[in-house]
C-alpha atoms as a PDB file:
ATOM      1  CA  MET A   1      -1.305  -4.098 -37.280  1.00  0.00           C
ATOM      2  CA  LEU A   2      -3.924  -6.715 -38.150  1.00  0.00           C
ATOM      3  CA  VAL A   3      -7.185  -5.940 -39.937  1.00  0.00           C
ATOM      4  CA  CYS A   4     -10.075  -8.337 -39.291  1.00  0.00           C
ATOM      5  CA  ARG A   5     -13.077  -8.412 -41.555  1.00  0.00           C
ATOM      6  CA  SER A   6     -16.411  -9.537 -40.228  1.00  0.00           C
ATOM      7  CA  GLY A   7     -20.020  -9.135 -41.098  1.00  0.00           C
ATOM      8  CA  GLN A   8     -20.100  -5.957 -39.008  1.00  0.00           C
ATOM      9  CA  GLY A   9     -17.408  -4.179 -41.057  1.00  0.00           C
ATOM     10  CA  ASN A  10     -13.695  -3.764 -40.609  1.00  0.00           C
ATOM     11  CA  HIS A  11     -12.195  -3.666 -37.093  1.00  0.00           C
ATOM     12  CA  THR A  12      -8.571  -2.674 -36.720  1.00  0.00           C
ATOM     13  CA  GLN A  13      -6.726  -4.564 -34.017  1.00  0.00           C
ATOM     14  CA  GLN A  14      -3.306  -4.147 -32.502  1.00  0.00           C
ATOM     15  CA  ASN A  15      -1.200  -6.788 -30.860  1.00  0.00           C
ATOM     16  CA  ILE A  16      -0.386  -5.582 -27.342  1.00  0.00           C
ATOM     17  CA  GLY A  17       1.599  -7.951 -25.145  1.00  0.00           C
ATOM     18  CA  GLY A  18       0.477 -10.930 -27.223  1.00  0.00           C
ATOM     19  CA  ASN A  19      -3.220  -9.981 -26.990  1.00  0.00           C
ATOM     20  CA  ASN A  20      -5.217  -8.567 -29.865  1.00  0.00           C
ATOM     21  CA  MET A  21      -7.249  -5.538 -28.828  1.00  0.00           C
ATOM     22  CA  SER A  22      -9.652  -3.582 -30.967  1.00  0.00           C
ATOM     23  CA  LYS A  23      -9.386   0.207 -31.067  1.00  0.00           C
ATOM     24  CA  LEU A  24     -12.602   0.361 -29.051  1.00  0.00           C
ATOM     25  CA  ASP A  25     -11.071  -1.862 -26.351  1.00  0.00           C
ATOM     26  CA  MET A  26      -7.924   0.285 -26.279  1.00  0.00           C
ATOM     27  CA  TYR A  27     -10.019   3.443 -26.073  1.00  0.00           C
ATOM     28  CA  SER A  28     -11.998   1.990 -23.148  1.00  0.00           C
ATOM     29  CA  LEU A  29      -8.785   0.974 -21.412  1.00  0.00           C
ATOM     30  CA  LEU A  30      -7.312   4.453 -21.891  1.00  0.00           C
ATOM     31  CA  GLN A  31     -10.505   6.037 -20.551  1.00  0.00           C
ATOM     32  CA  LEU A  32     -10.348   3.797 -17.487  1.00  0.00           C
ATOM     33  CA  ALA A  33      -6.682   4.688 -16.916  1.00  0.00           C
ATOM     34  CA  ARG A  34      -7.431   8.415 -17.328  1.00  0.00           C
ATOM     35  CA  GLN A  35     -10.296   8.146 -14.829  1.00  0.00           C
ATOM     36  CA  HIS A  36      -8.053   6.353 -12.309  1.00  0.00           C
ATOM     37  CA  VAL A  37      -5.343   9.032 -12.659  1.00  0.00           C
ATOM     38  CA  GLU A  38      -7.927  11.782 -12.111  1.00  0.00           C
ATOM     39  CA  GLU A  39      -9.254   9.996  -9.008  1.00  0.00           C
ATOM     40  CA  ALA A  40      -5.698   9.575  -7.674  1.00  0.00           C
ATOM     41  CA  GLU A  41      -4.933  13.266  -8.244  1.00  0.00           C
ATOM     42  CA  GLN A  42      -8.127  14.279  -6.444  1.00  0.00           C
ATOM     43  CA  ASP A  43      -7.345  11.855  -3.617  1.00  0.00           C
ATOM     44  CA  ALA A  44      -3.843  13.349  -3.275  1.00  0.00           C
ATOM     45  CA  LYS A  45      -5.434  16.795  -2.850  1.00  0.00           C
ATOM     46  CA  GLU A  46      -7.794  15.463  -0.169  1.00  0.00           C
ATOM     47  CA  ASN A  47      -5.110  13.298   1.503  1.00  0.00           C
ATOM     48  CA  PRO A  48      -1.851  15.179   1.018  1.00  0.00           C
ATOM     49  CA  THR A  49       1.525  13.949   2.107  1.00  0.00           C
ATOM     50  CA  SER A  50       3.579  15.993   4.544  1.00  0.00           C
ATOM     51  CA  ASP A  51       7.123  16.291   5.874  1.00  0.00           C
ATOM     52  CA  SER A  52       6.174  14.274   8.960  1.00  0.00           C
ATOM     53  CA  ILE A  53       3.559  11.575   9.469  1.00  0.00           C
ATOM     54  CA  GLN A  54       1.917   9.943  12.465  1.00  0.00           C
ATOM     55  CA  VAL A  55       2.406   6.172  12.448  1.00  0.00           C
ATOM     56  CA  VAL A  56       2.000   3.220  14.807  1.00  0.00           C
ATOM     57  CA  ILE A  57       5.265   1.474  15.656  1.00  0.00           C
ATOM     58  CA  VAL A  58       5.135  -2.196  16.622  1.00  0.00           C
ATOM     59  CA  GLU A  59       8.210  -3.650  18.329  1.00  0.00           C
ATOM     60  CA  PRO A  60       8.630  -7.320  19.263  1.00  0.00           C
ATOM     61  CA  ASN A  61       7.044  -8.187  22.644  1.00  0.00           C
ATOM     62  CA  LYS A  62       5.941  -4.582  23.273  1.00  0.00           C
ATOM     63  CA  LYS A  63       2.689  -2.704  23.120  1.00  0.00           C
ATOM     64  CA  PRO A  64       2.338  -0.723  19.860  1.00  0.00           C
ATOM     65  CA  TYR A  65       2.569   3.067  20.181  1.00  0.00           C
ATOM     66  CA  LYS A  66       1.966   6.077  17.970  1.00  0.00           C
ATOM     67  CA  LYS A  67       4.796   8.336  16.955  1.00  0.00           C
ATOM     68  CA  THR A  68       5.348  11.204  14.536  1.00  0.00           C
ATOM     69  CA  ILE A  69       8.272  10.486  12.229  1.00  0.00           C
ATOM     70  CA  PRO A  70       9.926  12.307   9.318  1.00  0.00           C
ATOM     71  CA  ASN A  71       8.341  11.207   6.052  1.00  0.00           C
ATOM     72  CA  THR A  72      11.669  10.131   4.571  1.00  0.00           C
ATOM     73  CA  LEU A  73      13.114   6.850   3.396  1.00  0.00           C
ATOM     74  CA  GLU A  74      16.012   7.273   5.824  1.00  0.00           C
ATOM     75  CA  ALA A  75      13.672   7.556   8.828  1.00  0.00           C
ATOM     76  CA  MET A  76      11.687   4.521   7.704  1.00  0.00           C
ATOM     77  CA  LYS A  77      14.851   2.440   7.219  1.00  0.00           C
ATOM     78  CA  GLU A  78      16.047   3.476  10.678  1.00  0.00           C
ATOM     79  CA  ILE A  79      12.811   2.259  12.319  1.00  0.00           C
ATOM     80  CA  VAL A  80      12.841  -1.159  10.629  1.00  0.00           C
ATOM     81  CA  GLY A  81      16.608  -1.555  10.729  1.00  0.00           C
ATOM     82  CA  GLY A  82      17.298  -1.941   7.024  1.00  0.00           C
ATOM     83  CA  TYR A  83      15.711  -2.003   3.595  1.00  0.00           C
ATOM     84  CA  ILE A  84      11.949  -1.497   3.675  1.00  0.00           C
ATOM     85  CA  GLU A  85       9.144  -3.620   2.302  1.00  0.00           C
ATOM     86  CA  VAL A  86       5.623  -2.219   2.140  1.00  0.00           C
ATOM     87  CA  ILE A  87       2.630  -4.546   2.537  1.00  0.00           C
ATOM     88  CA  PRO A  88      -0.952  -3.347   2.017  1.00  0.00           C
ATOM     89  CA  CYS A  89      -3.087  -4.601   4.893  1.00  0.00           C
ATOM     90  CA  GLY A  90      -6.394  -2.762   4.818  1.00  0.00           C
ATOM     91  CA  VAL A  91      -8.374   0.331   3.958  1.00  0.00           C
ATOM     92  CA  THR A  92      -9.543   3.193   6.186  1.00  0.00           C
ATOM     93  CA  ASP A  93     -13.074   4.542   6.324  1.00  0.00           C
ATOM     94  CA  LYS A  94     -11.830   7.338   4.003  1.00  0.00           C
ATOM     95  CA  LYS A  95     -10.625   4.710   1.467  1.00  0.00           C
ATOM     96  CA  GLN A  96      -6.969   5.344   2.297  1.00  0.00           C
ATOM     97  CA  GLN A  97      -4.725   2.315   2.063  1.00  0.00           C
ATOM     98  CA  ILE A  98      -3.334   1.028   5.373  1.00  0.00           C
ATOM     99  CA  ILE A  99       0.236  -0.131   4.853  1.00  0.00           C
ATOM    100  CA  LEU A 100       2.644  -2.077   7.004  1.00  0.00           C
ATOM    101  CA  THR A 101       6.332  -1.232   6.519  1.00  0.00           C
ATOM    102  CA  LEU A 102       8.908  -3.766   7.689  1.00  0.00           C
ATOM    103  CA  ASN A 103      12.459  -4.916   7.111  1.00  0.00           C
ATOM    104  CA  GLU A 104      12.600  -6.578   3.715  1.00  0.00           C
ATOM    105  CA  GLU A 105      15.331  -8.986   4.850  1.00  0.00           C
ATOM    106  CA  GLY A 106      14.043  -9.497   8.405  1.00  0.00           C
ATOM    107  CA  LYS A 107      13.575 -13.261   8.199  1.00  0.00           C
ATOM    108  CA  LEU A 108      16.899 -13.771   6.424  1.00  0.00           C
ATOM    109  CA  LEU A 109      18.635 -11.724   9.120  1.00  0.00           C
ATOM    110  CA  GLY A 110      16.964 -13.729  11.888  1.00  0.00           C
ATOM    111  CA  LEU A 111      15.169 -10.752  13.445  1.00  0.00           C
ATOM    112  CA  PRO A 112      12.995 -11.638  16.457  1.00  0.00           C
ATOM    113  CA  VAL A 113       9.383 -12.704  15.944  1.00  0.00           C
ATOM    114  CA  ASN A 114       7.063  -9.748  16.382  1.00  0.00           C
ATOM    115  CA  ARG A 115       3.459 -10.637  15.530  1.00  0.00           C
ATOM    116  CA  LYS A 116       1.693 -13.640  14.036  1.00  0.00           C
ATOM    117  CA  ILE A 117      -0.875 -12.650  11.434  1.00  0.00           C
ATOM    118  CA  MET A 118      -3.356 -15.496  11.788  1.00  0.00           C
ATOM    119  CA  GLY A 119      -3.688 -17.543   8.610  1.00  0.00           C
ATOM    120  CA  LYS A 120      -1.163 -15.427   6.721  1.00  0.00           C
ATOM    121  CA  ASP A 121       2.380 -14.882   7.982  1.00  0.00           C
ATOM    122  CA  ILE A 122       4.712 -14.236  10.887  1.00  0.00           C
ATOM    123  CA  LEU A 123       6.172 -10.732  11.041  1.00  0.00           C
ATOM    124  CA  VAL A 124       9.673 -10.242  12.415  1.00  0.00           C
ATOM    125  CA  GLY A 125      11.566  -7.217  13.654  1.00  0.00           C
ATOM    126  CA  THR A 126      10.176  -3.776  14.335  1.00  0.00           C
ATOM    127  CA  PHE A 127       7.620  -2.527  11.821  1.00  0.00           C
ATOM    128  CA  PHE A 128       5.302   0.431  11.533  1.00  0.00           C
ATOM    129  CA  ILE A 129       1.851   1.027  10.150  1.00  0.00           C
ATOM    130  CA  SER A 130       0.823   4.116   8.232  1.00  0.00           C
ATOM    131  CA  ALA A 131      -1.602   5.150   5.526  1.00  0.00           C
ATOM    132  CA  ALA A 132      -1.102   5.921   1.848  1.00  0.00           C
ATOM    133  CA  ASN A 133      -3.124   7.902  -0.654  1.00  0.00           C
ATOM    134  CA  MET A 134      -4.010   6.541  -4.099  1.00  0.00           C
ATOM    135  CA  GLN A 135      -0.704   7.825  -5.496  1.00  0.00           C
ATOM    136  CA  GLY A 136       1.183   5.691  -2.975  1.00  0.00           C
ATOM    137  CA  ASP A 137       2.434   8.613  -0.886  1.00  0.00           C
ATOM    138  CA  ASN A 138       2.700   8.021   2.858  1.00  0.00           C
ATOM    139  CA  ILE A 139       0.159  10.103   4.737  1.00  0.00           C
ATOM    140  CA  THR A 140      -0.481  10.583   8.424  1.00  0.00           C
ATOM    141  CA  LEU A 141      -2.827   8.439  10.489  1.00  0.00           C
ATOM    142  CA  SER A 142      -5.449  10.198  12.578  1.00  0.00           C
ATOM    143  CA  ASP A 143      -5.473   9.727  16.351  1.00  0.00           C
ATOM    144  CA  ARG A 144      -8.580   7.524  16.005  1.00  0.00           C
ATOM    145  CA  GLN A 145      -6.920   5.364  13.342  1.00  0.00           C
ATOM    146  CA  CYS A 146      -3.840   5.009  15.577  1.00  0.00           C
ATOM    147  CA  PHE A 147      -6.026   3.941  18.488  1.00  0.00           C
ATOM    148  CA  GLU A 148      -7.759   1.283  16.360  1.00  0.00           C
ATOM    149  CA  ILE A 149      -4.440  -0.056  15.019  1.00  0.00           C
ATOM    150  CA  ILE A 150      -2.864  -0.121  18.492  1.00  0.00           C
ATOM    151  CA  ARG A 151      -5.868  -2.067  19.792  1.00  0.00           C
ATOM    152  CA  LYS A 152      -5.695  -4.521  16.887  1.00  0.00           C
ATOM    153  CA  PHE A 153      -1.925  -5.112  17.133  1.00  0.00           C
ATOM    154  CA  ALA A 154      -1.669  -5.212  20.943  1.00  0.00           C
ATOM    155  CA  PRO A 155      -1.979  -9.041  21.094  1.00  0.00           C
ATOM    156  CA  LEU A 156       0.881 -11.134  19.715  1.00  0.00           C
ATOM    157  CA  GLU A 157      -1.603 -12.913  17.410  1.00  0.00           C
ATOM    158  CA  VAL A 158      -3.464 -10.615  15.027  1.00  0.00           C
ATOM    159  CA  TYR A 159      -6.485 -11.312  12.857  1.00  0.00           C
ATOM    160  CA  LEU A 160      -6.641  -9.169   9.715  1.00  0.00           C
END
């Protein structure tokens, strides 16, 4: 612990990760973290996870479609054909995160091109789109959200 003396009195500082922070800064940071946790807990109550979720599945050279799937890692791995990678790609009107789940090793495995995200990346293999609450839990998409995602991902070139 390092004590700094200034004209304003003594301020105790701690070295955290190479940065000196005053107790006031640490207190503010803890308050911010506590507030975020409370918001995430409230969001999880308003947007609960369930045993099954409605998602939009996007296969190469096919029109996207909605499907209800088990909310399990095994089901997700089966859809994408391997280990999953989750990419945030937007926010709903209810402030839920829109996430795209695809095969983590898709490009290395030479999976077929699926969609070109203009200005960003090329997605390969089958992927699906779902929502997540602030705690990161997969939650179901509404029918309206599915319709909007299907419309957006229908072309082979997508603008996000």
